[in-house]
């Protein structure tokens, strides 16, 4: 009696992890008030290693990656609900009826 998971759910999980890691790295590269990660390792905190317009570009990239990450999370929730319905043979509404109050 195993729980069957759609293959696409594993792919979405991998994408969530990869986009999350890229998002972390993109945020750490950006120059903030304290100079960003470059300043923490003794680099010039006032200058960007990627040019003067890199701040605007990294901000856009960060926002797009954050949006993609959130949309992937929504997609994963939808896939989990679909897998749960498939494995239990119940609708989402009937799943909540099985929960007993404490």
PDB file of N, CA and C in Angstrom:
ATOM      1  N   UNK A   1       0.843  -1.167   0.000  1.00  0.00           N
ATOM      2  CA  UNK A   1       0.000   0.000   0.000  1.00  0.00           C
ATOM      3  C   UNK A   1       0.892   1.236   0.000  1.00  0.00           C
ATOM      4  N   UNK A   2       1.410   1.555  -1.155  1.00  0.00           N
ATOM      5  CA  UNK A   2       2.301   2.700  -1.268  1.00  0.00           C
ATOM      6  C   UNK A   2       1.575   3.936  -1.748  1.00  0.00           C
ATOM      7  N   UNK A   3       2.211   5.039  -1.563  1.00  0.00           N
ATOM      8  CA  UNK A   3       1.664   6.315  -1.998  1.00  0.00           C
ATOM      9  C   UNK A   3       2.306   6.655  -3.333  1.00  0.00           C
ATOM     10  N   UNK A   4       1.505   6.686  -4.397  1.00  0.00           N
ATOM     11  CA  UNK A   4       2.013   6.966  -5.731  1.00  0.00           C
ATOM     12  C   UNK A   4       2.112   8.466  -5.955  1.00  0.00           C
ATOM     13  N   UNK A   5       3.276   8.888  -6.425  1.00  0.00           N
ATOM     14  CA  UNK A   5       3.514  10.296  -6.699  1.00  0.00           C
ATOM     15  C   UNK A   5       3.821  10.441  -8.179  1.00  0.00           C
ATOM     16  N   UNK A   6       3.229  11.432  -8.785  1.00  0.00           N
ATOM     17  CA  UNK A   6       3.460  11.709 -10.193  1.00  0.00           C
ATOM     18  C   UNK A   6       4.924  12.091 -10.415  1.00  0.00           C
ATOM     19  N   UNK A   7       5.520  11.647 -11.526  1.00  0.00           N
ATOM     20  CA  UNK A   7       6.914  11.960 -11.841  1.00  0.00           C
ATOM     21  C   UNK A   7       7.129  13.464 -11.934  1.00  0.00           C
ATOM     22  N   UNK A   8       6.144  14.175 -12.460  1.00  0.00           N
ATOM     23  CA  UNK A   8       6.263  15.622 -12.616  1.00  0.00           C
ATOM     24  C   UNK A   8       6.426  16.318 -11.265  1.00  0.00           C
ATOM     25  N   UNK A   9       5.910  15.718 -10.208  1.00  0.00           N
ATOM     26  CA  UNK A   9       6.071  16.275  -8.868  1.00  0.00           C
ATOM     27  C   UNK A   9       7.540  16.290  -8.455  1.00  0.00           C
ATOM     28  N   UNK A  10       8.277  15.247  -8.829  1.00  0.00           N
ATOM     29  CA  UNK A  10       9.710  15.202  -8.530  1.00  0.00           C
ATOM     30  C   UNK A  10      10.470  16.257  -9.326  1.00  0.00           C
ATOM     31  N   UNK A  11      10.068  16.458 -10.564  1.00  0.00           N
ATOM     32  CA  UNK A  11      10.708  17.473 -11.407  1.00  0.00           C
ATOM     33  C   UNK A  11      10.470  18.864 -10.817  1.00  0.00           C
ATOM     34  N   UNK A  12       9.249  19.130 -10.379  1.00  0.00           N
ATOM     35  CA  UNK A  12       8.936  20.434  -9.788  1.00  0.00           C
ATOM     36  C   UNK A  12       9.716  20.619  -8.485  1.00  0.00           C
ATOM     37  N   UNK A  13       9.855  19.571  -7.687  1.00  0.00           N
ATOM     38  CA  UNK A  13      10.663  19.668  -6.462  1.00  0.00           C
ATOM     39  C   UNK A  13      12.103  20.053  -6.781  1.00  0.00           C
ATOM     40  N   UNK A  14      12.675  19.426  -7.785  1.00  0.00           N
ATOM     41  CA  UNK A  14      14.047  19.734  -8.181  1.00  0.00           C
ATOM     42  C   UNK A  14      14.162  21.178  -8.663  1.00  0.00           C
ATOM     43  N   UNK A  15      13.178  21.634  -9.447  1.00  0.00           N
ATOM     44  CA  UNK A  15      13.191  23.019  -9.920  1.00  0.00           C
ATOM     45  C   UNK A  15      13.062  24.016  -8.767  1.00  0.00           C
ATOM     46  N   UNK A  16      12.249  23.685  -7.774  1.00  0.00           N
ATOM     47  CA  UNK A  16      12.096  24.564  -6.608  1.00  0.00           C
ATOM     48  C   UNK A  16      13.426  24.705  -5.879  1.00  0.00           C
ATOM     49  N   UNK A  17      14.126  23.606  -5.715  1.00  0.00           N
ATOM     50  CA  UNK A  17      15.419  23.643  -5.027  1.00  0.00           C
ATOM     51  C   UNK A  17      16.437  24.441  -5.834  1.00  0.00           C
ATOM     52  N   UNK A  18      16.507  24.200  -7.143  1.00  0.00           N
ATOM     53  CA  UNK A  18      17.479  24.903  -7.984  1.00  0.00           C
ATOM     54  C   UNK A  18      17.198  26.401  -8.044  1.00  0.00           C
ATOM     55  N   UNK A  19      15.945  26.774  -8.234  1.00  0.00           N
ATOM     56  CA  UNK A  19      15.598  28.200  -8.282  1.00  0.00           C
ATOM     57  C   UNK A  19      15.841  28.850  -6.918  1.00  0.00           C
ATOM     58  N   UNK A  20      15.560  28.131  -5.852  1.00  0.00           N
ATOM     59  CA  UNK A  20      15.821  28.662  -4.514  1.00  0.00           C
ATOM     60  C   UNK A  20      17.301  28.929  -4.278  1.00  0.00           C
ATOM     61  N   UNK A  21      18.153  27.993  -4.691  1.00  0.00           N
ATOM     62  CA  UNK A  21      19.597  28.191  -4.538  1.00  0.00           C
ATOM     63  C   UNK A  21      20.103  29.344  -5.400  1.00  0.00           C
ATOM     64  N   UNK A  22      19.618  29.428  -6.637  1.00  0.00           N
ATOM     65  CA  UNK A  22      20.005  30.546  -7.499  1.00  0.00           C
ATOM     66  C   UNK A  22      19.520  31.878  -6.936  1.00  0.00           C
ATOM     67  N   UNK A  23      18.344  31.863  -6.341  1.00  0.00           N
ATOM     68  CA  UNK A  23      17.808  33.074  -5.723  1.00  0.00           C
ATOM     69  C   UNK A  23      18.688  33.515  -4.552  1.00  0.00           C
ATOM     70  N   UNK A  24      19.115  32.579  -3.743  1.00  0.00           N
ATOM     71  CA  UNK A  24      20.005  32.892  -2.618  1.00  0.00           C
ATOM     72  C   UNK A  24      21.312  33.487  -3.127  1.00  0.00           C
ATOM     73  N   UNK A  25      21.900  32.853  -4.142  1.00  0.00           N
ATOM     74  CA  UNK A  25      23.164  33.359  -4.681  1.00  0.00           C
ATOM     75  C   UNK A  25      22.998  34.743  -5.308  1.00  0.00           C
ATOM     76  N   UNK A  26      21.906  34.966  -6.000  1.00  0.00           N
ATOM     77  CA  UNK A  26      21.665  36.271  -6.616  1.00  0.00           C
ATOM     78  C   UNK A  26      21.511  37.353  -5.562  1.00  0.00           C
ATOM     79  N   UNK A  27      20.844  37.035  -4.479  1.00  0.00           N
ATOM     80  CA  UNK A  27      20.679  38.011  -3.400  1.00  0.00           C
ATOM     81  C   UNK A  27      22.016  38.308  -2.735  1.00  0.00           C
ATOM     82  N   UNK A  28      22.833  37.270  -2.551  1.00  0.00           N
ATOM     83  CA  UNK A  28      24.133  37.489  -1.904  1.00  0.00           C
ATOM     84  C   UNK A  28      25.101  38.283  -2.775  1.00  0.00           C
ATOM     85  N   UNK A  29      24.976  38.194  -4.081  1.00  0.00           N
ATOM     86  CA  UNK A  29      25.865  38.926  -4.981  1.00  0.00           C
ATOM     87  C   UNK A  29      25.562  40.419  -4.965  1.00  0.00           C
ATOM     88  N   UNK A  30      24.310  40.774  -4.733  1.00  0.00           N
ATOM     89  CA  UNK A  30      23.900  42.175  -4.836  1.00  0.00           C
ATOM     90  C   UNK A  30      24.598  43.045  -3.808  1.00  0.00           C
ATOM     91  N   UNK A  31      24.820  44.276  -4.215  1.00  0.00           N
ATOM     92  CA  UNK A  31      25.441  45.252  -3.331  1.00  0.00           C
ATOM     93  C   UNK A  31      24.366  45.959  -2.532  1.00  0.00           C
ATOM     94  N   UNK A  32      24.443  45.852  -1.242  1.00  0.00           N
ATOM     95  CA  UNK A  32      23.482  46.523  -0.373  1.00  0.00           C
ATOM     96  C   UNK A  32      24.138  47.684   0.342  1.00  0.00           C
ATOM     97  N   UNK A  33      23.587  48.080   1.467  1.00  0.00           N
ATOM     98  CA  UNK A  33      24.159  49.178   2.246  1.00  0.00           C
ATOM     99  C   UNK A  33      25.553  48.832   2.752  1.00  0.00           C
ATOM    100  N   UNK A  34      25.754  47.559   3.100  1.00  0.00           N
ATOM    101  CA  UNK A  34      27.041  47.152   3.645  1.00  0.00           C
ATOM    102  C   UNK A  34      28.013  46.654   2.597  1.00  0.00           C
ATOM    103  N   UNK A  35      27.699  46.729   1.336  1.00  0.00           N
ATOM    104  CA  UNK A  35      28.614  46.302   0.297  1.00  0.00           C
ATOM    105  C   UNK A  35      28.350  44.907  -0.207  1.00  0.00           C
ATOM    106  N   UNK A  36      27.375  44.209   0.333  1.00  0.00           N
ATOM    107  CA  UNK A  36      27.033  42.869  -0.140  1.00  0.00           C
ATOM    108  C   UNK A  36      28.075  41.836   0.250  1.00  0.00           C
ATOM    109  N   UNK A  37      28.033  40.710  -0.388  1.00  0.00           N
ATOM    110  CA  UNK A  37      28.955  39.617  -0.086  1.00  0.00           C
ATOM    111  C   UNK A  37      30.378  39.979  -0.473  1.00  0.00           C
ATOM    112  N   UNK A  38      30.537  40.802  -1.502  1.00  0.00           N
ATOM    113  CA  UNK A  38      31.871  41.210  -1.939  1.00  0.00           C
ATOM    114  C   UNK A  38      32.575  41.978  -0.829  1.00  0.00           C
ATOM    115  N   UNK A  39      31.838  42.852  -0.165  1.00  0.00           N
ATOM    116  CA  UNK A  39      32.417  43.633   0.924  1.00  0.00           C
ATOM    117  C   UNK A  39      32.766  42.789   2.135  1.00  0.00           C
ATOM    118  N   UNK A  40      32.053  41.696   2.338  1.00  0.00           N
ATOM    119  CA  UNK A  40      32.318  40.837   3.497  1.00  0.00           C
ATOM    120  C   UNK A  40      33.659  40.121   3.370  1.00  0.00           C
ATOM    121  N   UNK A  41      34.120  39.921   2.156  1.00  0.00           N
ATOM    122  CA  UNK A  41      35.387  39.218   1.953  1.00  0.00           C
ATOM    123  C   UNK A  41      36.526  40.165   1.593  1.00  0.00           C
ATOM    124  N   UNK A  42      36.375  41.430   1.946  1.00  0.00           N
ATOM    125  CA  UNK A  42      37.469  42.365   1.757  1.00  0.00           C
ATOM    126  C   UNK A  42      37.482  43.063   0.414  1.00  0.00           C
ATOM    127  N   UNK A  43      36.447  42.888  -0.388  1.00  0.00           N
ATOM    128  CA  UNK A  43      36.389  43.573  -1.679  1.00  0.00           C
ATOM    129  C   UNK A  43      35.957  45.009  -1.504  1.00  0.00           C
ATOM    130  N   UNK A  44      35.979  45.746  -2.580  1.00  0.00           N
ATOM    131  CA  UNK A  44      35.552  47.142  -2.548  1.00  0.00           C
ATOM    132  C   UNK A  44      34.037  47.175  -2.395  1.00  0.00           C
ATOM    133  N   UNK A  45      33.567  47.651  -1.247  1.00  0.00           N
ATOM    134  CA  UNK A  45      32.138  47.655  -0.978  1.00  0.00           C
ATOM    135  C   UNK A  45      31.363  48.675  -1.783  1.00  0.00           C
ATOM    136  N   UNK A  46      32.020  49.727  -2.241  1.00  0.00           N
ATOM    137  CA  UNK A  46      31.317  50.776  -2.937  1.00  0.00           C
ATOM    138  C   UNK A  46      31.158  50.548  -4.426  1.00  0.00           C
ATOM    139  N   UNK A  47      31.884  49.595  -4.977  1.00  0.00           N
ATOM    140  CA  UNK A  47      31.777  49.370  -6.417  1.00  0.00           C
ATOM    141  C   UNK A  47      31.237  47.978  -6.686  1.00  0.00           C
ATOM    142  N   UNK A  48      30.505  47.858  -7.762  1.00  0.00           N
ATOM    143  CA  UNK A  48      29.937  46.578  -8.144  1.00  0.00           C
ATOM    144  C   UNK A  48      30.888  45.877  -9.106  1.00  0.00           C
ATOM    145  N   UNK A  49      31.130  44.589  -8.913  1.00  0.00           N
ATOM    146  CA  UNK A  49      32.028  43.877  -9.829  1.00  0.00           C
ATOM    147  C   UNK A  49      31.412  43.667 -11.205  1.00  0.00           C
ATOM    148  N   UNK A  50      30.133  43.974 -11.365  1.00  0.00           N
ATOM    149  CA  UNK A  50      29.440  43.722 -12.627  1.00  0.00           C
ATOM    150  C   UNK A  50      29.054  45.009 -13.348  1.00  0.00           C
ATOM    151  N   UNK A  51      29.583  46.149 -12.917  1.00  0.00           N
ATOM    152  CA  UNK A  51      29.285  47.406 -13.585  1.00  0.00           C
ATOM    153  C   UNK A  51      28.262  48.235 -12.835  1.00  0.00           C
ATOM    154  N   UNK A  52      28.059  49.462 -13.306  1.00  0.00           N
ATOM    155  CA  UNK A  52      27.188  50.383 -12.576  1.00  0.00           C
ATOM    156  C   UNK A  52      25.707  50.069 -12.753  1.00  0.00           C
ATOM    157  N   UNK A  53      25.309  49.484 -13.873  1.00  0.00           N
ATOM    158  CA  UNK A  53      23.903  49.158 -14.119  1.00  0.00           C
ATOM    159  C   UNK A  53      23.534  47.769 -13.614  1.00  0.00           C
ATOM    160  N   UNK A  54      24.473  47.085 -12.996  1.00  0.00           N
ATOM    161  CA  UNK A  54      24.214  45.712 -12.548  1.00  0.00           C
ATOM    162  C   UNK A  54      23.182  45.670 -11.433  1.00  0.00           C
ATOM    163  N   UNK A  55      23.090  46.719 -10.619  1.00  0.00           N
ATOM    164  CA  UNK A  55      22.119  46.738  -9.529  1.00  0.00           C
ATOM    165  C   UNK A  55      20.697  46.623 -10.026  1.00  0.00           C
ATOM    166  N   UNK A  56      20.375  47.384 -11.058  1.00  0.00           N
ATOM    167  CA  UNK A  56      19.032  47.323 -11.635  1.00  0.00           C
ATOM    168  C   UNK A  56      18.770  45.959 -12.266  1.00  0.00           C
ATOM    169  N   UNK A  57      19.759  45.434 -12.936  1.00  0.00           N
ATOM    170  CA  UNK A  57      19.608  44.132 -13.589  1.00  0.00           C
ATOM    171  C   UNK A  57      19.418  43.028 -12.560  1.00  0.00           C
ATOM    172  N   UNK A  58      20.247  43.045 -11.510  1.00  0.00           N
ATOM    173  CA  UNK A  58      20.115  42.019 -10.479  1.00  0.00           C
ATOM    174  C   UNK A  58      18.795  42.127  -9.736  1.00  0.00           C
ATOM    175  N   UNK A  59      18.285  43.339  -9.573  1.00  0.00           N
ATOM    176  CA  UNK A  59      16.986  43.512  -8.929  1.00  0.00           C
ATOM    177  C   UNK A  59      15.888  42.875  -9.764  1.00  0.00           C
ATOM    178  N   UNK A  60      15.923  43.107 -11.076  1.00  0.00           N
ATOM    179  CA  UNK A  60      14.916  42.498 -11.967  1.00  0.00           C
ATOM    180  C   UNK A  60      15.033  40.982 -11.978  1.00  0.00           C
ATOM    181  N   UNK A  61      16.275  40.492 -12.054  1.00  0.00           N
ATOM    182  CA  UNK A  61      16.499  39.041 -12.062  1.00  0.00           C
ATOM    183  C   UNK A  61      15.993  38.426 -10.768  1.00  0.00           C
ATOM    184  N   UNK A  62      16.274  39.084  -9.645  1.00  0.00           N
ATOM    185  CA  UNK A  62      15.831  38.581  -8.348  1.00  0.00           C
ATOM    186  C   UNK A  62      14.312  38.531  -8.272  1.00  0.00           C
ATOM    187  N   UNK A  63      13.648  39.580  -8.734  1.00  0.00           N
ATOM    188  CA  UNK A  63      12.184  39.602  -8.698  1.00  0.00           C
ATOM    189  C   UNK A  63      11.582  38.521  -9.593  1.00  0.00           C
ATOM    190  N   UNK A  64      12.146  38.337 -10.777  1.00  0.00           N
ATOM    191  CA  UNK A  64      11.637  37.300 -11.680  1.00  0.00           C
ATOM    192  C   UNK A  64      11.861  35.896 -11.108  1.00  0.00           C
ATOM    193  N   UNK A  65      13.017  35.682 -10.502  1.00  0.00           N
ATOM    194  CA  UNK A  65      13.280  34.369  -9.912  1.00  0.00           C
ATOM    195  C   UNK A  65      12.387  34.124  -8.703  1.00  0.00           C
ATOM    196  N   UNK A  66      12.122  35.156  -7.922  1.00  0.00           N
ATOM    197  CA  UNK A  66      11.220  35.003  -6.772  1.00  0.00           C
ATOM    198  C   UNK A  66       9.807  34.678  -7.246  1.00  0.00           C
ATOM    199  N   UNK A  67       9.370  35.335  -8.314  1.00  0.00           N
ATOM    200  CA  UNK A  67       8.061  35.049  -8.882  1.00  0.00           C
ATOM    201  C   UNK A  67       7.994  33.613  -9.402  1.00  0.00           C
ATOM    202  N   UNK A  68       9.038  33.184 -10.095  1.00  0.00           N
ATOM    203  CA  UNK A  68       9.083  31.808 -10.603  1.00  0.00           C
ATOM    204  C   UNK A  68       9.054  30.810  -9.448  1.00  0.00           C
ATOM    205  N   UNK A  69       9.764  31.118  -8.355  1.00  0.00           N
ATOM    206  CA  UNK A  69       9.805  30.224  -7.193  1.00  0.00           C
ATOM    207  C   UNK A  69       8.419  30.093  -6.564  1.00  0.00           C
ATOM    208  N   UNK A  70       7.723  31.224  -6.425  1.00  0.00           N
ATOM    209  CA  UNK A  70       6.381  31.202  -5.837  1.00  0.00           C
ATOM    210  C   UNK A  70       5.413  30.429  -6.739  1.00  0.00           C
ATOM    211  N   UNK A  71       5.504  30.646  -8.049  1.00  0.00           N
ATOM    212  CA  UNK A  71       4.631  29.911  -8.974  1.00  0.00           C
ATOM    213  C   UNK A  71       4.918  28.411  -8.951  1.00  0.00           C
ATOM    214  N   UNK A  72       6.188  28.036  -8.810  1.00  0.00           N
ATOM    215  CA  UNK A  72       6.529  26.613  -8.683  1.00  0.00           C
ATOM    216  C   UNK A  72       5.950  26.020  -7.399  1.00  0.00           C
ATOM    217  N   UNK A  73       5.969  26.783  -6.319  1.00  0.00           N
ATOM    218  CA  UNK A  73       5.379  26.316  -5.051  1.00  0.00           C
ATOM    219  C   UNK A  73       3.876  26.090  -5.229  1.00  0.00           C
ATOM    220  N   UNK A  74       3.194  27.052  -5.886  1.00  0.00           N
ATOM    221  CA  UNK A  74       1.762  26.876  -6.144  1.00  0.00           C
ATOM    222  C   UNK A  74       1.509  25.632  -6.989  1.00  0.00           C
ATOM    223  N   UNK A  75       2.342  25.428  -8.000  1.00  0.00           N
ATOM    224  CA  UNK A  75       2.206  24.245  -8.836  1.00  0.00           C
ATOM    225  C   UNK A  75       2.417  22.961  -8.056  1.00  0.00           C
ATOM    226  N   UNK A  76       3.376  22.971  -7.155  1.00  0.00           N
ATOM    227  CA  UNK A  76       3.639  21.786  -6.338  1.00  0.00           C
ATOM    228  C   UNK A  76       2.464  21.496  -5.407  1.00  0.00           C
ATOM    229  N   UNK A  77       1.865  22.523  -4.848  1.00  0.00           N
ATOM    230  CA  UNK A  77       0.687  22.326  -3.994  1.00  0.00           C
ATOM    231  C   UNK A  77      -0.441  21.689  -4.799  1.00  0.00           C
ATOM    232  N   UNK A  78      -0.648  22.179  -6.015  1.00  0.00           N
ATOM    233  CA  UNK A  78      -1.691  21.622  -6.884  1.00  0.00           C
ATOM    234  C   UNK A  78      -1.407  20.159  -7.195  1.00  0.00           C
ATOM    235  N   UNK A  79      -0.135  19.830  -7.478  1.00  0.00           N
ATOM    236  CA  UNK A  79       0.222  18.440  -7.777  1.00  0.00           C
ATOM    237  C   UNK A  79       0.020  17.529  -6.569  1.00  0.00           C
ATOM    238  N   UNK A  80       0.356  18.014  -5.384  1.00  0.00           N
ATOM    239  CA  UNK A  80       0.179  17.208  -4.170  1.00  0.00           C
ATOM    240  C   UNK A  80      -1.305  16.952  -3.913  1.00  0.00           C
ATOM    241  N   UNK A  81      -2.134  17.979  -4.118  1.00  0.00           N
ATOM    242  CA  UNK A  81      -3.579  17.777  -3.943  1.00  0.00           C
ATOM    243  C   UNK A  81      -4.107  16.758  -4.948  1.00  0.00           C
ATOM    244  N   UNK A  82      -3.624  16.847  -6.189  1.00  0.00           N
ATOM    245  CA  UNK A  82      -4.062  15.909  -7.218  1.00  0.00           C
ATOM    246  C   UNK A  82      -3.625  14.481  -6.866  1.00  0.00           C
ATOM    247  N   UNK A  83      -2.379  14.320  -6.398  1.00  0.00           N
ATOM    248  CA  UNK A  83      -1.887  13.000  -6.009  1.00  0.00           C
ATOM    249  C   UNK A  83      -2.661  12.455  -4.810  1.00  0.00           C
ATOM    250  N   UNK A  84      -3.010  13.337  -3.866  1.00  0.00           N
ATOM    251  CA  UNK A  84      -3.756  12.905  -2.687  1.00  0.00           C
ATOM    252  C   UNK A  84      -5.133  12.407  -3.085  1.00  0.00           C
ATOM    253  N   UNK A  85      -5.798  13.151  -3.978  1.00  0.00           N
ATOM    254  CA  UNK A  85      -7.117  12.716  -4.451  1.00  0.00           C
ATOM    255  C   UNK A  85      -7.024  11.389  -5.196  1.00  0.00           C
ATOM    256  N   UNK A  86      -5.986  11.225  -5.988  1.00  0.00           N
ATOM    257  CA  UNK A  86      -5.813  10.005  -6.767  1.00  0.00           C
ATOM    258  C   UNK A  86      -5.557   8.798  -5.858  1.00  0.00           C
ATOM    259  N   UNK A  87      -4.762   8.988  -4.808  1.00  0.00           N
ATOM    260  CA  UNK A  87      -4.389   7.881  -3.936  1.00  0.00           C
ATOM    261  C   UNK A  87      -5.464   7.517  -2.923  1.00  0.00           C
ATOM    262  N   UNK A  88      -6.269   8.470  -2.530  1.00  0.00           N
ATOM    263  CA  UNK A  88      -7.299   8.170  -1.537  1.00  0.00           C
ATOM    264  C   UNK A  88      -8.653   7.921  -2.177  1.00  0.00           C
ATOM    265  N   UNK A  89      -8.815   8.365  -3.409  1.00  0.00           N
ATOM    266  CA  UNK A  89     -10.096   8.202  -4.087  1.00  0.00           C
ATOM    267  C   UNK A  89     -11.155   9.135  -3.559  1.00  0.00           C
ATOM    268  N   UNK A  90     -10.741  10.170  -2.846  1.00  0.00           N
ATOM    269  CA  UNK A  90     -11.689  11.118  -2.270  1.00  0.00           C
ATOM    270  C   UNK A  90     -11.438  12.496  -2.844  1.00  0.00           C
ATOM    271  N   UNK A  91     -12.439  13.322  -2.762  1.00  0.00           N
ATOM    272  CA  UNK A  91     -12.264  14.712  -3.153  1.00  0.00           C
ATOM    273  C   UNK A  91     -11.613  15.470  -1.998  1.00  0.00           C
ATOM    274  N   UNK A  92     -11.142  16.664  -2.264  1.00  0.00           N
ATOM    275  CA  UNK A  92     -10.499  17.471  -1.232  1.00  0.00           C
ATOM    276  C   UNK A  92     -11.477  17.799  -0.113  1.00  0.00           C
ATOM    277  N   UNK A  93     -12.753  18.022  -0.438  1.00  0.00           N
ATOM    278  CA  UNK A  93     -13.756  18.357   0.579  1.00  0.00           C
ATOM    279  C   UNK A  93     -13.969  17.189   1.531  1.00  0.00           C
ATOM    280  N   UNK A  94     -13.977  15.968   1.007  1.00  0.00           N
ATOM    281  CA  UNK A  94     -14.199  14.823   1.891  1.00  0.00           C
ATOM    282  C   UNK A  94     -12.975  14.510   2.731  1.00  0.00           C
ATOM    283  N   UNK A  95     -11.796  14.957   2.303  1.00  0.00           N
ATOM    284  CA  UNK A  95     -10.599  14.752   3.114  1.00  0.00           C
ATOM    285  C   UNK A  95     -10.671  15.561   4.403  1.00  0.00           C
ATOM    286  N   UNK A  96     -11.245  16.742   4.342  1.00  0.00           N
ATOM    287  CA  UNK A  96     -11.329  17.572   5.542  1.00  0.00           C
ATOM    288  C   UNK A  96     -12.396  17.058   6.498  1.00  0.00           C
ATOM    289  N   UNK A  97     -13.360  16.286   6.007  1.00  0.00           N
ATOM    290  CA  UNK A  97     -14.397  15.741   6.878  1.00  0.00           C
ATOM    291  C   UNK A  97     -13.855  14.630   7.766  1.00  0.00           C
ATOM    292  N   UNK A  98     -12.754  13.974   7.359  1.00  0.00           N
ATOM    293  CA  UNK A  98     -12.185  12.892   8.138  1.00  0.00           C
ATOM    294  C   UNK A  98     -11.390  13.378   9.357  1.00  0.00           C
ATOM    295  N   UNK A  99     -11.111  14.664   9.429  1.00  0.00           N
ATOM    296  CA  UNK A  99     -10.327  15.195  10.536  1.00  0.00           C
ATOM    297  C   UNK A  99     -11.233  15.357  11.737  1.00  0.00           C
ATOM    298  N   UNK A 100     -10.797  14.795  12.856  1.00  0.00           N
ATOM    299  CA  UNK A 100     -11.588  14.885  14.094  1.00  0.00           C
ATOM    300  C   UNK A 100     -11.068  16.023  14.953  1.00  0.00           C
ATOM    301  N   UNK A 101     -11.963  16.762  15.600  1.00  0.00           N
ATOM    302  CA  UNK A 101     -11.495  17.839  16.487  1.00  0.00           C
ATOM    303  C   UNK A 101     -10.811  17.254  17.710  1.00  0.00           C
ATOM    304  N   UNK A 102      -9.885  18.019  18.262  1.00  0.00           N
ATOM    305  CA  UNK A 102      -9.142  17.564  19.452  1.00  0.00           C
ATOM    306  C   UNK A 102      -9.953  17.679  20.703  1.00  0.00           C
TER     307      UNK A 102
END
